[in-house]
Amino acid sequence: MAATHELVLEVFQALTSNTQIVKESIQKGALIYLLQLFCNSQNPTVREETASLLAKMITDKLVGPKVRIVLSKFLPLIFMDAMRDNSEASVHMFENNQENPELIWNDEAREKVSGVVSKMNKE
């Protein structure tokens, strides 16, 4: 399964250079699928590649702001900054409890987000 996810991410990484494809993929639910991989995949490489792909989508000049808004409904904004700066660090940040003025993130919040994303992905 991880090999399939890696292949999908590799293909999608190439497709994100076309803004129109990114727009259409957002409308078709690609962000939920990518969030599912980031939040619930058991493979750390898949999660890091997903974070890198999401960061690439966020930095797109035309659709990046919309991607950021959609992702902010699930994850605190600081996660998107971490994805942009270092995808591996964003995965570690998601996995660990954070209690500082910028971010309160614990097991309960992580489980809630992961559950909601998983449910939406199935729908």
PDB file of N, CA and C in Angstrom:
ATOM      1  N   MET A   1       0.825  -1.199   0.000  1.00  0.00           N
ATOM      2  CA  MET A   1       0.000   0.000   0.000  1.00  0.00           C
ATOM      3  C   MET A   1       0.866   1.260   0.000  1.00  0.00           C
ATOM      4  N   ALA A   2       1.955   1.238   0.776  1.00  0.00           N
ATOM      5  CA  ALA A   2       2.827   2.407   0.841  1.00  0.00           C
ATOM      6  C   ALA A   2       3.435   2.703  -0.522  1.00  0.00           C
ATOM      7  N   ALA A   3       3.776   1.649  -1.283  1.00  0.00           N
ATOM      8  CA  ALA A   3       4.337   1.857  -2.615  1.00  0.00           C
ATOM      9  C   ALA A   3       3.326   2.547  -3.527  1.00  0.00           C
ATOM     10  N   THR A   4       2.063   2.168  -3.401  1.00  0.00           N
ATOM     11  CA  THR A   4       1.005   2.800  -4.184  1.00  0.00           C
ATOM     12  C   THR A   4       0.875   4.269  -3.802  1.00  0.00           C
ATOM     13  N   HIS A   5       0.885   4.541  -2.516  1.00  0.00           N
ATOM     14  CA  HIS A   5       0.785   5.933  -2.059  1.00  0.00           C
ATOM     15  C   HIS A   5       1.974   6.747  -2.560  1.00  0.00           C
ATOM     16  N   GLU A   6       3.167   6.162  -2.511  1.00  0.00           N
ATOM     17  CA  GLU A   6       4.352   6.881  -2.983  1.00  0.00           C
ATOM     18  C   GLU A   6       4.244   7.187  -4.475  1.00  0.00           C
ATOM     19  N   LEU A   7       3.723   6.236  -5.251  1.00  0.00           N
ATOM     20  CA  LEU A   7       3.547   6.452  -6.684  1.00  0.00           C
ATOM     21  C   LEU A   7       2.527   7.554  -6.948  1.00  0.00           C
ATOM     22  N   VAL A   8       1.413   7.523  -6.221  1.00  0.00           N
ATOM     23  CA  VAL A   8       0.392   8.561  -6.372  1.00  0.00           C
ATOM     24  C   VAL A   8       0.982   9.933  -6.032  1.00  0.00           C
ATOM     25  N   LEU A   9       1.748   9.997  -4.970  1.00  0.00           N
ATOM     26  CA  LEU A   9       2.356  11.274  -4.571  1.00  0.00           C
ATOM     27  C   LEU A   9       3.356  11.755  -5.610  1.00  0.00           C
ATOM     28  N   GLU A  10       4.111  10.836  -6.180  1.00  0.00           N
ATOM     29  CA  GLU A  10       5.089  11.195  -7.208  1.00  0.00           C
ATOM     30  C   GLU A  10       4.387  11.772  -8.438  1.00  0.00           C
ATOM     31  N   VAL A  11       3.315  11.121  -8.868  1.00  0.00           N
ATOM     32  CA  VAL A  11       2.551  11.611 -10.025  1.00  0.00           C
ATOM     33  C   VAL A  11       1.927  12.963  -9.702  1.00  0.00           C
ATOM     34  N   PHE A  12       1.328  13.062  -8.535  1.00  0.00           N
ATOM     35  CA  PHE A  12       0.665  14.314  -8.158  1.00  0.00           C
ATOM     36  C   PHE A  12       1.673  15.450  -8.013  1.00  0.00           C
ATOM     37  N   GLN A  13       2.874  15.135  -7.549  1.00  0.00           N
ATOM     38  CA  GLN A  13       3.940  16.143  -7.418  1.00  0.00           C
ATOM     39  C   GLN A  13       4.234  16.747  -8.797  1.00  0.00           C
ATOM     40  N   ALA A  14       4.303  15.895  -9.814  1.00  0.00           N
ATOM     41  CA  ALA A  14       4.560  16.387 -11.177  1.00  0.00           C
ATOM     42  C   ALA A  14       3.381  17.212 -11.691  1.00  0.00           C
ATOM     43  N   LEU A  15       2.174  16.803 -11.354  1.00  0.00           N
ATOM     44  CA  LEU A  15       0.985  17.498 -11.856  1.00  0.00           C
ATOM     45  C   LEU A  15       0.760  18.858 -11.199  1.00  0.00           C
ATOM     46  N   THR A  16       1.313  19.066 -10.021  1.00  0.00           N
ATOM     47  CA  THR A  16       1.058  20.325  -9.312  1.00  0.00           C
ATOM     48  C   THR A  16       1.747  21.522  -9.946  1.00  0.00           C
ATOM     49  N   SER A  17       2.585  21.289 -10.936  1.00  0.00           N
ATOM     50  CA  SER A  17       3.186  22.430 -11.627  1.00  0.00           C
ATOM     51  C   SER A  17       2.172  23.121 -12.539  1.00  0.00           C
ATOM     52  N   ASN A  18       1.027  22.477 -12.784  1.00  0.00           N
ATOM     53  CA  ASN A  18      -0.034  23.050 -13.590  1.00  0.00           C
ATOM     54  C   ASN A  18      -1.154  23.533 -12.661  1.00  0.00           C
ATOM     55  N   THR A  19      -1.328  24.826 -12.584  1.00  0.00           N
ATOM     56  CA  THR A  19      -2.307  25.421 -11.674  1.00  0.00           C
ATOM     57  C   THR A  19      -3.724  24.933 -11.949  1.00  0.00           C
ATOM     58  N   GLN A  20      -4.079  24.755 -13.209  1.00  0.00           N
ATOM     59  CA  GLN A  20      -5.425  24.297 -13.544  1.00  0.00           C
ATOM     60  C   GLN A  20      -5.690  22.901 -12.980  1.00  0.00           C
ATOM     61  N   ILE A  21      -4.690  22.039 -13.054  1.00  0.00           N
ATOM     62  CA  ILE A  21      -4.833  20.686 -12.500  1.00  0.00           C
ATOM     63  C   ILE A  21      -4.976  20.758 -10.987  1.00  0.00           C
ATOM     64  N   VAL A  22      -4.235  21.631 -10.351  1.00  0.00           N
ATOM     65  CA  VAL A  22      -4.342  21.797  -8.893  1.00  0.00           C
ATOM     66  C   VAL A  22      -5.749  22.264  -8.530  1.00  0.00           C
ATOM     67  N   LYS A  23      -6.283  23.231  -9.278  1.00  0.00           N
ATOM     68  CA  LYS A  23      -7.644  23.724  -9.026  1.00  0.00           C
ATOM     69  C   LYS A  23      -8.665  22.597  -9.134  1.00  0.00           C
ATOM     70  N   GLU A  24      -8.564  21.829 -10.197  1.00  0.00           N
ATOM     71  CA  GLU A  24      -9.514  20.737 -10.406  1.00  0.00           C
ATOM     72  C   GLU A  24      -9.370  19.656  -9.341  1.00  0.00           C
ATOM     73  N   SER A  25      -8.143  19.371  -8.953  1.00  0.00           N
ATOM     74  CA  SER A  25      -7.934  18.340  -7.931  1.00  0.00           C
ATOM     75  C   SER A  25      -8.498  18.772  -6.581  1.00  0.00           C
ATOM     76  N   ILE A  26      -8.432  20.057  -6.289  1.00  0.00           N
ATOM     77  CA  ILE A  26      -9.014  20.565  -5.047  1.00  0.00           C
ATOM     78  C   ILE A  26     -10.534  20.352  -5.066  1.00  0.00           C
ATOM     79  N   GLN A  27     -11.140  20.642  -6.212  1.00  0.00           N
ATOM     80  CA  GLN A  27     -12.589  20.467  -6.344  1.00  0.00           C
ATOM     81  C   GLN A  27     -12.992  19.003  -6.246  1.00  0.00           C
ATOM     82  N   LYS A  28     -12.107  18.099  -6.612  1.00  0.00           N
ATOM     83  CA  LYS A  28     -12.409  16.659  -6.589  1.00  0.00           C
ATOM     84  C   LYS A  28     -12.056  15.998  -5.259  1.00  0.00           C
ATOM     85  N   GLY A  29     -11.561  16.772  -4.289  1.00  0.00           N
ATOM     86  CA  GLY A  29     -11.300  16.219  -2.967  1.00  0.00           C
ATOM     87  C   GLY A  29      -9.870  15.773  -2.711  1.00  0.00           C
ATOM     88  N   ALA A  30      -8.945  16.219  -3.525  1.00  0.00           N
ATOM     89  CA  ALA A  30      -7.549  15.800  -3.355  1.00  0.00           C
ATOM     90  C   ALA A  30      -6.970  16.240  -2.013  1.00  0.00           C
ATOM     91  N   LEU A  31      -7.393  17.388  -1.517  1.00  0.00           N
ATOM     92  CA  LEU A  31      -6.843  17.852  -0.238  1.00  0.00           C
ATOM     93  C   LEU A  31      -7.225  16.917   0.906  1.00  0.00           C
ATOM     94  N   ILE A  32      -8.437  16.398   0.869  1.00  0.00           N
ATOM     95  CA  ILE A  32      -8.854  15.452   1.914  1.00  0.00           C
ATOM     96  C   ILE A  32      -8.028  14.169   1.802  1.00  0.00           C
ATOM     97  N   TYR A  33      -7.825  13.702   0.588  1.00  0.00           N
ATOM     98  CA  TYR A  33      -7.007  12.503   0.374  1.00  0.00           C
ATOM     99  C   TYR A  33      -5.589  12.733   0.894  1.00  0.00           C
ATOM    100  N   LEU A  34      -5.011  13.887   0.574  1.00  0.00           N
ATOM    101  CA  LEU A  34      -3.653  14.191   1.027  1.00  0.00           C
ATOM    102  C   LEU A  34      -3.600  14.352   2.548  1.00  0.00           C
ATOM    103  N   LEU A  35      -4.612  14.977   3.112  1.00  0.00           N
ATOM    104  CA  LEU A  35      -4.658  15.077   4.576  1.00  0.00           C
ATOM    105  C   LEU A  35      -4.765  13.694   5.215  1.00  0.00           C
ATOM    106  N   GLN A  36      -5.509  12.801   4.587  1.00  0.00           N
ATOM    107  CA  GLN A  36      -5.616  11.430   5.081  1.00  0.00           C
ATOM    108  C   GLN A  36      -4.229  10.782   5.120  1.00  0.00           C
ATOM    109  N   LEU A  37      -3.455  10.964   4.068  1.00  0.00           N
ATOM    110  CA  LEU A  37      -2.109  10.398   4.040  1.00  0.00           C
ATOM    111  C   LEU A  37      -1.225  11.047   5.107  1.00  0.00           C
ATOM    112  N   PHE A  38      -1.326  12.361   5.241  1.00  0.00           N
ATOM    113  CA  PHE A  38      -0.493  13.058   6.218  1.00  0.00           C
ATOM    114  C   PHE A  38      -0.858  12.668   7.648  1.00  0.00           C
ATOM    115  N   CYS A  39      -2.138  12.581   7.941  1.00  0.00           N
ATOM    116  CA  CYS A  39      -2.579  12.329   9.315  1.00  0.00           C
ATOM    117  C   CYS A  39      -2.555  10.849   9.696  1.00  0.00           C
ATOM    118  N   ASN A  40      -2.855   9.971   8.762  1.00  0.00           N
ATOM    119  CA  ASN A  40      -3.127   8.582   9.135  1.00  0.00           C
ATOM    120  C   ASN A  40      -2.229   7.525   8.511  1.00  0.00           C
ATOM    121  N   SER A  41      -1.333   7.891   7.627  1.00  0.00           N
ATOM    122  CA  SER A  41      -0.458   6.882   7.026  1.00  0.00           C
ATOM    123  C   SER A  41       0.515   6.349   8.084  1.00  0.00           C
ATOM    124  N   GLN A  42       0.822   5.066   7.973  1.00  0.00           N
ATOM    125  CA  GLN A  42       1.772   4.447   8.898  1.00  0.00           C
ATOM    126  C   GLN A  42       3.212   4.593   8.412  1.00  0.00           C
ATOM    127  N   ASN A  43       3.375   5.010   7.159  1.00  0.00           N
ATOM    128  CA  ASN A  43       4.693   5.131   6.556  1.00  0.00           C
ATOM    129  C   ASN A  43       5.203   6.572   6.683  1.00  0.00           C
ATOM    130  N   PRO A  44       6.305   6.786   7.420  1.00  0.00           N
ATOM    131  CA  PRO A  44       6.802   8.156   7.599  1.00  0.00           C
ATOM    132  C   PRO A  44       7.223   8.825   6.281  1.00  0.00           C
ATOM    133  N   THR A  45       7.719   8.049   5.331  1.00  0.00           N
ATOM    134  CA  THR A  45       8.123   8.620   4.040  1.00  0.00           C
ATOM    135  C   THR A  45       6.913   9.168   3.303  1.00  0.00           C
ATOM    136  N   VAL A  46       5.820   8.438   3.313  1.00  0.00           N
ATOM    137  CA  VAL A  46       4.586   8.898   2.670  1.00  0.00           C
ATOM    138  C   VAL A  46       4.114  10.185   3.336  1.00  0.00           C
ATOM    139  N   ARG A  47       4.180  10.227   4.636  1.00  0.00           N
ATOM    140  CA  ARG A  47       3.728  11.421   5.359  1.00  0.00           C
ATOM    141  C   ARG A  47       4.603  12.628   5.029  1.00  0.00           C
ATOM    142  N   GLU A  48       5.917  12.418   4.963  1.00  0.00           N
ATOM    143  CA  GLU A  48       6.828  13.519   4.639  1.00  0.00           C
ATOM    144  C   GLU A  48       6.632  13.993   3.204  1.00  0.00           C
ATOM    145  N   GLU A  49       6.469  13.061   2.270  1.00  0.00           N
ATOM    146  CA  GLU A  49       6.231  13.443   0.875  1.00  0.00           C
ATOM    147  C   GLU A  49       4.903  14.177   0.732  1.00  0.00           C
ATOM    148  N   THR A  50       3.911  13.754   1.494  1.00  0.00           N
ATOM    149  CA  THR A  50       2.613  14.440   1.467  1.00  0.00           C
ATOM    150  C   THR A  50       2.757  15.865   1.989  1.00  0.00           C
ATOM    151  N   ALA A  51       3.503  16.029   3.072  1.00  0.00           N
ATOM    152  CA  ALA A  51       3.726  17.377   3.616  1.00  0.00           C
ATOM    153  C   ALA A  51       4.439  18.249   2.589  1.00  0.00           C
ATOM    154  N   SER A  52       5.411  17.678   1.899  1.00  0.00           N
ATOM    155  CA  SER A  52       6.131  18.418   0.865  1.00  0.00           C
ATOM    156  C   SER A  52       5.202  18.822  -0.277  1.00  0.00           C
ATOM    157  N   LEU A  53       4.325  17.915  -0.671  1.00  0.00           N
ATOM    158  CA  LEU A  53       3.366  18.203  -1.736  1.00  0.00           C
ATOM    159  C   LEU A  53       2.376  19.283  -1.310  1.00  0.00           C
ATOM    160  N   LEU A  54       1.873  19.187  -0.092  1.00  0.00           N
ATOM    161  CA  LEU A  54       0.958  20.214   0.415  1.00  0.00           C
ATOM    162  C   LEU A  54       1.654  21.576   0.464  1.00  0.00           C
ATOM    163  N   ALA A  55       2.923  21.580   0.866  1.00  0.00           N
ATOM    164  CA  ALA A  55       3.685  22.829   0.906  1.00  0.00           C
ATOM    165  C   ALA A  55       3.814  23.428  -0.489  1.00  0.00           C
ATOM    166  N   LYS A  56       4.051  22.571  -1.485  1.00  0.00           N
ATOM    167  CA  LYS A  56       4.152  23.048  -2.867  1.00  0.00           C
ATOM    168  C   LYS A  56       2.827  23.654  -3.316  1.00  0.00           C
ATOM    169  N   MET A  57       1.727  23.026  -2.932  1.00  0.00           N
ATOM    170  CA  MET A  57       0.418  23.552  -3.302  1.00  0.00           C
ATOM    171  C   MET A  57       0.140  24.885  -2.608  1.00  0.00           C
ATOM    172  N   ILE A  58       0.566  25.003  -1.368  1.00  0.00           N
ATOM    173  CA  ILE A  58       0.349  26.241  -0.603  1.00  0.00           C
ATOM    174  C   ILE A  58       1.111  27.401  -1.222  1.00  0.00           C
ATOM    175  N   THR A  59       2.280  27.128  -1.789  1.00  0.00           N
ATOM    176  CA  THR A  59       3.098  28.207  -2.334  1.00  0.00           C
ATOM    177  C   THR A  59       2.698  28.611  -3.746  1.00  0.00           C
ATOM    178  N   ASP A  60       1.753  27.909  -4.361  1.00  0.00           N
ATOM    179  CA  ASP A  60       1.260  28.298  -5.678  1.00  0.00           C
ATOM    180  C   ASP A  60       0.601  29.669  -5.559  1.00  0.00           C
ATOM    181  N   LYS A  61       0.971  30.575  -6.452  1.00  0.00           N
ATOM    182  CA  LYS A  61       0.488  31.951  -6.350  1.00  0.00           C
ATOM    183  C   LYS A  61      -1.025  32.090  -6.540  1.00  0.00           C
ATOM    184  N   LEU A  62      -1.615  31.254  -7.389  1.00  0.00           N
ATOM    185  CA  LEU A  62      -3.039  31.403  -7.672  1.00  0.00           C
ATOM    186  C   LEU A  62      -3.938  30.610  -6.727  1.00  0.00           C
ATOM    187  N   VAL A  63      -3.617  29.359  -6.469  1.00  0.00           N
ATOM    188  CA  VAL A  63      -4.494  28.533  -5.632  1.00  0.00           C
ATOM    189  C   VAL A  63      -3.950  28.314  -4.224  1.00  0.00           C
ATOM    190  N   GLY A  64      -2.728  28.727  -3.980  1.00  0.00           N
ATOM    191  CA  GLY A  64      -2.106  28.545  -2.665  1.00  0.00           C
ATOM    192  C   GLY A  64      -2.918  29.113  -1.510  1.00  0.00           C
ATOM    193  N   PRO A  65      -3.426  30.345  -1.638  1.00  0.00           N
ATOM    194  CA  PRO A  65      -4.232  30.889  -0.538  1.00  0.00           C
ATOM    195  C   PRO A  65      -5.478  30.049  -0.239  1.00  0.00           C
ATOM    196  N   LYS A  66      -6.120  29.518  -1.281  1.00  0.00           N
ATOM    197  CA  LYS A  66      -7.305  28.680  -1.066  1.00  0.00           C
ATOM    198  C   LYS A  66      -6.912  27.371  -0.376  1.00  0.00           C
ATOM    199  N   VAL A  67      -5.803  26.793  -0.801  1.00  0.00           N
ATOM    200  CA  VAL A  67      -5.319  25.557  -0.177  1.00  0.00           C
ATOM    201  C   VAL A  67      -5.035  25.813   1.294  1.00  0.00           C
ATOM    202  N   ARG A  68      -4.399  26.917   1.589  1.00  0.00           N
ATOM    203  CA  ARG A  68      -4.063  27.267   2.977  1.00  0.00           C
ATOM    204  C   ARG A  68      -5.331  27.423   3.819  1.00  0.00           C
ATOM    205  N   ILE A  69      -6.340  28.059   3.260  1.00  0.00           N
ATOM    206  CA  ILE A  69      -7.604  28.252   3.987  1.00  0.00           C
ATOM    207  C   ILE A  69      -8.267  26.907   4.273  1.00  0.00           C
ATOM    208  N   VAL A  70      -8.311  26.038   3.268  1.00  0.00           N
ATOM    209  CA  VAL A  70      -8.929  24.720   3.462  1.00  0.00           C
ATOM    210  C   VAL A  70      -8.164  23.926   4.515  1.00  0.00           C
ATOM    211  N   LEU A  71      -6.845  23.907   4.407  1.00  0.00           N
ATOM    212  CA  LEU A  71      -6.045  23.152   5.378  1.00  0.00           C
ATOM    213  C   LEU A  71      -6.176  23.728   6.786  1.00  0.00           C
ATOM    214  N   SER A  72      -6.358  25.039   6.885  1.00  0.00           N
ATOM    215  CA  SER A  72      -6.466  25.669   8.208  1.00  0.00           C
ATOM    216  C   SER A  72      -7.748  25.266   8.928  1.00  0.00           C
ATOM    217  N   LYS A  73      -8.694  24.694   8.215  1.00  0.00           N
ATOM    218  CA  LYS A  73      -9.907  24.195   8.856  1.00  0.00           C
ATOM    219  C   LYS A  73      -9.633  22.888   9.604  1.00  0.00           C
ATOM    220  N   PHE A  74      -8.503  22.247   9.279  1.00  0.00           N
ATOM    221  CA  PHE A  74      -8.145  20.981   9.901  1.00  0.00           C
ATOM    222  C   PHE A  74      -6.910  21.090  10.800  1.00  0.00           C
ATOM    223  N   LEU A  75      -5.946  21.885  10.367  1.00  0.00           N
ATOM    224  CA  LEU A  75      -4.669  21.978  11.076  1.00  0.00           C
ATOM    225  C   LEU A  75      -4.362  23.432  11.423  1.00  0.00           C
ATOM    226  N   PRO A  76      -3.691  23.650  12.544  1.00  0.00           N
ATOM    227  CA  PRO A  76      -3.250  25.016  12.857  1.00  0.00           C
ATOM    228  C   PRO A  76      -2.291  25.531  11.776  1.00  0.00           C
ATOM    229  N   LEU A  77      -2.296  26.827  11.550  1.00  0.00           N
ATOM    230  CA  LEU A  77      -1.471  27.431  10.502  1.00  0.00           C
ATOM    231  C   LEU A  77       0.014  27.142  10.671  1.00  0.00           C
ATOM    232  N   ILE A  78       0.445  26.958  11.894  1.00  0.00           N
ATOM    233  CA  ILE A  78       1.860  26.717  12.130  1.00  0.00           C
ATOM    234  C   ILE A  78       2.325  25.405  11.471  1.00  0.00           C
ATOM    235  N   PHE A  79       1.415  24.460  11.280  1.00  0.00           N
ATOM    236  CA  PHE A  79       1.761  23.221  10.586  1.00  0.00           C
ATOM    237  C   PHE A  79       2.095  23.498   9.124  1.00  0.00           C
ATOM    238  N   MET A  80       1.352  24.399   8.499  1.00  0.00           N
ATOM    239  CA  MET A  80       1.613  24.723   7.096  1.00  0.00           C
ATOM    240  C   MET A  80       2.951  25.433   6.935  1.00  0.00           C
ATOM    241  N   ASP A  81       3.294  26.280   7.908  1.00  0.00           N
ATOM    242  CA  ASP A  81       4.611  26.914   7.880  1.00  0.00           C
ATOM    243  C   ASP A  81       5.708  25.868   8.029  1.00  0.00           C
ATOM    244  N   ALA A  82       5.478  24.901   8.905  1.00  0.00           N
ATOM    245  CA  ALA A  82       6.458  23.828   9.102  1.00  0.00           C
ATOM    246  C   ALA A  82       6.574  22.967   7.851  1.00  0.00           C
ATOM    247  N   MET A  83       5.452  22.690   7.178  1.00  0.00           N
ATOM    248  CA  MET A  83       5.497  21.916   5.933  1.00  0.00           C
ATOM    249  C   MET A  83       6.361  22.616   4.899  1.00  0.00           C
ATOM    250  N   ARG A  84       6.202  23.923   4.815  1.00  0.00           N
ATOM    251  CA  ARG A  84       6.961  24.708   3.846  1.00  0.00           C
ATOM    252  C   ARG A  84       8.451  24.703   4.174  1.00  0.00           C
ATOM    253  N   ASP A  85       8.769  24.801   5.467  1.00  0.00           N
ATOM    254  CA  ASP A  85      10.167  24.885   5.879  1.00  0.00           C
ATOM    255  C   ASP A  85      10.861  23.534   5.915  1.00  0.00           C
ATOM    256  N   ASN A  86      10.171  22.507   6.429  1.00  0.00           N
ATOM    257  CA  ASN A  86      10.797  21.197   6.599  1.00  0.00           C
ATOM    258  C   ASN A  86       9.702  20.157   6.785  1.00  0.00           C
ATOM    259  N   SER A  87       9.480  19.353   5.752  1.00  0.00           N
ATOM    260  CA  SER A  87       8.369  18.395   5.801  1.00  0.00           C
ATOM    261  C   SER A  87       8.548  17.363   6.910  1.00  0.00           C
ATOM    262  N   GLU A  88       9.770  16.949   7.159  1.00  0.00           N
ATOM    263  CA  GLU A  88      10.025  15.973   8.229  1.00  0.00           C
ATOM    264  C   GLU A  88       9.660  16.569   9.588  1.00  0.00           C
ATOM    265  N   ALA A  89      10.011  17.820   9.798  1.00  0.00           N
ATOM    266  CA  ALA A  89       9.688  18.481  11.062  1.00  0.00           C
ATOM    267  C   ALA A  89       8.180  18.635  11.245  1.00  0.00           C
ATOM    268  N   SER A  90       7.464  18.859  10.150  1.00  0.00           N
ATOM    269  CA  SER A  90       6.008  19.001  10.274  1.00  0.00           C
ATOM    270  C   SER A  90       5.362  17.696  10.712  1.00  0.00           C
ATOM    271  N   VAL A  91       5.891  16.561  10.249  1.00  0.00           N
ATOM    272  CA  VAL A  91       5.369  15.260  10.673  1.00  0.00           C
ATOM    273  C   VAL A  91       5.653  15.049  12.158  1.00  0.00           C
ATOM    274  N   HIS A  92       6.873  15.380  12.597  1.00  0.00           N
ATOM    275  CA  HIS A  92       7.202  15.253  14.014  1.00  0.00           C
ATOM    276  C   HIS A  92       6.346  16.184  14.867  1.00  0.00           C
ATOM    277  N   MET A  93       6.104  17.363  14.360  1.00  0.00           N
ATOM    278  CA  MET A  93       5.270  18.325  15.081  1.00  0.00           C
ATOM    279  C   MET A  93       3.848  17.782  15.231  1.00  0.00           C
ATOM    280  N   PHE A  94       3.327  17.166  14.177  1.00  0.00           N
ATOM    281  CA  PHE A  94       1.985  16.591  14.212  1.00  0.00           C
ATOM    282  C   PHE A  94       1.914  15.451  15.226  1.00  0.00           C
ATOM    283  N   GLU A  95       2.954  14.637  15.298  1.00  0.00           N
ATOM    284  CA  GLU A  95       2.972  13.468  16.175  1.00  0.00           C
ATOM    285  C   GLU A  95       3.159  13.804  17.654  1.00  0.00           C
ATOM    286  N   ASN A  96       3.830  14.888  17.937  1.00  0.00           N
ATOM    287  CA  ASN A  96       4.170  15.222  19.323  1.00  0.00           C
ATOM    288  C   ASN A  96       3.189  16.227  19.910  1.00  0.00           C
ATOM    289  N   ASN A  97       3.101  16.210  21.223  1.00  0.00           N
ATOM    290  CA  ASN A  97       2.285  17.202  21.923  1.00  0.00           C
ATOM    291  C   ASN A  97       3.024  18.530  21.934  1.00  0.00           C
ATOM    292  N   GLN A  98       2.287  19.587  21.690  1.00  0.00           N
ATOM    293  CA  GLN A  98       2.844  20.940  21.683  1.00  0.00           C
ATOM    294  C   GLN A  98       2.025  21.785  22.651  1.00  0.00           C
ATOM    295  N   GLU A  99       2.684  22.401  23.574  1.00  0.00           N
ATOM    296  CA  GLU A  99       1.981  23.301  24.488  1.00  0.00           C
ATOM    297  C   GLU A  99       2.811  24.560  24.658  1.00  0.00           C
ATOM    298  N   ASN A 100       2.591  25.490  23.758  1.00  0.00           N
ATOM    299  CA  ASN A 100       3.239  26.791  23.846  1.00  0.00           C
ATOM    300  C   ASN A 100       2.227  27.837  23.369  1.00  0.00           C
ATOM    301  N   PRO A 101       2.539  29.108  23.517  1.00  0.00           N
ATOM    302  CA  PRO A 101       1.557  30.139  23.155  1.00  0.00           C
ATOM    303  C   PRO A 101       1.094  30.073  21.692  1.00  0.00           C
ATOM    304  N   GLU A 102       1.947  29.598  20.788  1.00  0.00           N
ATOM    305  CA  GLU A 102       1.577  29.532  19.379  1.00  0.00           C
ATOM    306  C   GLU A 102       0.712  28.326  19.049  1.00  0.00           C
ATOM    307  N   LEU A 103       0.855  27.243  19.836  1.00  0.00           N
ATOM    308  CA  LEU A 103       0.187  26.009  19.466  1.00  0.00           C
ATOM    309  C   LEU A 103      -0.102  25.144  20.685  1.00  0.00           C
ATOM    310  N   ILE A 104      -1.354  24.798  20.833  1.00  0.00           N
ATOM    311  CA  ILE A 104      -1.759  23.787  21.810  1.00  0.00           C
ATOM    312  C   ILE A 104      -2.197  22.582  20.984  1.00  0.00           C
ATOM    313  N   TRP A 105      -1.416  21.529  21.032  1.00  0.00           N
ATOM    314  CA  TRP A 105      -1.665  20.341  20.219  1.00  0.00           C
ATOM    315  C   TRP A 105      -1.388  19.132  21.086  1.00  0.00           C
ATOM    316  N   ASN A 106      -2.390  18.279  21.256  1.00  0.00           N
ATOM    317  CA  ASN A 106      -2.218  17.113  22.107  1.00  0.00           C
ATOM    318  C   ASN A 106      -2.873  15.894  21.460  1.00  0.00           C
ATOM    319  N   ASP A 107      -2.867  14.777  22.192  1.00  0.00           N
ATOM    320  CA  ASP A 107      -3.417  13.528  21.652  1.00  0.00           C
ATOM    321  C   ASP A 107      -4.884  13.685  21.254  1.00  0.00           C
ATOM    322  N   GLU A 108      -5.641  14.385  22.066  1.00  0.00           N
ATOM    323  CA  GLU A 108      -7.073  14.560  21.786  1.00  0.00           C
ATOM    324  C   GLU A 108      -7.286  15.311  20.470  1.00  0.00           C
ATOM    325  N   ALA A 109      -6.557  16.410  20.284  1.00  0.00           N
ATOM    326  CA  ALA A 109      -6.694  17.194  19.052  1.00  0.00           C
ATOM    327  C   ALA A 109      -6.255  16.367  17.843  1.00  0.00           C
ATOM    328  N   ARG A 110      -5.146  15.659  17.981  1.00  0.00           N
ATOM    329  CA  ARG A 110      -4.618  14.838  16.888  1.00  0.00           C
ATOM    330  C   ARG A 110      -5.620  13.738  16.500  1.00  0.00           C
ATOM    331  N   GLU A 111      -6.177  13.056  17.501  1.00  0.00           N
ATOM    332  CA  GLU A 111      -7.136  11.986  17.225  1.00  0.00           C
ATOM    333  C   GLU A 111      -8.410  12.525  16.587  1.00  0.00           C
ATOM    334  N   LYS A 112      -8.848  13.693  17.036  1.00  0.00           N
ATOM    335  CA  LYS A 112     -10.058  14.289  16.474  1.00  0.00           C
ATOM    336  C   LYS A 112      -9.848  14.646  14.998  1.00  0.00           C
ATOM    337  N   VAL A 113      -8.743  15.312  14.693  1.00  0.00           N
ATOM    338  CA  VAL A 113      -8.451  15.687  13.310  1.00  0.00           C
ATOM    339  C   VAL A 113      -8.290  14.441  12.448  1.00  0.00           C
ATOM    340  N   SER A 114      -7.537  13.472  12.931  1.00  0.00           N
ATOM    341  CA  SER A 114      -7.322  12.238  12.165  1.00  0.00           C
ATOM    342  C   SER A 114      -8.646  11.511  11.910  1.00  0.00           C
ATOM    343  N   GLY A 115      -9.509  11.464  12.892  1.00  0.00           N
ATOM    344  CA  GLY A 115     -10.803  10.816  12.739  1.00  0.00           C
ATOM    345  C   GLY A 115     -11.708  11.519  11.740  1.00  0.00           C
ATOM    346  N   VAL A 116     -11.767  12.831  11.832  1.00  0.00           N
ATOM    347  CA  VAL A 116     -12.606  13.618  10.914  1.00  0.00           C
ATOM    348  C   VAL A 116     -12.097  13.463   9.478  1.00  0.00           C
ATOM    349  N   VAL A 117     -10.789  13.556   9.302  1.00  0.00           N
ATOM    350  CA  VAL A 117     -10.202  13.428   7.958  1.00  0.00           C
ATOM    351  C   VAL A 117     -10.467  12.031   7.412  1.00  0.00           C
ATOM    352  N   SER A 118     -10.315  11.023   8.236  1.00  0.00           N
ATOM    353  CA  SER A 118     -10.557   9.648   7.798  1.00  0.00           C
ATOM    354  C   SER A 118     -12.016   9.460   7.373  1.00  0.00           C
ATOM    355  N   LYS A 119     -12.927   9.998   8.172  1.00  0.00           N
ATOM    356  CA  LYS A 119     -14.355   9.892   7.852  1.00  0.00           C
ATOM    357  C   LYS A 119     -14.682  10.605   6.552  1.00  0.00           C
ATOM    358  N   MET A 120     -14.142  11.815   6.375  1.00  0.00           N
ATOM    359  CA  MET A 120     -14.398  12.576   5.158  1.00  0.00           C
ATOM    360  C   MET A 120     -13.790  11.874   3.948  1.00  0.00           C
ATOM    361  N   ASN A 121     -12.642  11.264   4.124  1.00  0.00           N
ATOM    362  CA  ASN A 121     -11.977  10.565   3.033  1.00  0.00           C
ATOM    363  C   ASN A 121     -12.822   9.390   2.560  1.00  0.00           C
ATOM    364  N   LYS A 122     -13.456   8.683   3.493  1.00  0.00           N
ATOM    365  CA  LYS A 122     -14.308   7.544   3.129  1.00  0.00           C
ATOM    366  C   LYS A 122     -15.555   7.998   2.370  1.00  0.00           C
ATOM    367  N   GLU A 123     -16.057   9.181   2.726  1.00  0.00           N
ATOM    368  CA  GLU A 123     -17.259   9.701   2.065  1.00  0.00           C
ATOM    369  C   GLU A 123     -16.922  10.138   0.668  1.00  0.00           C
TER     370      GLU A 123
END
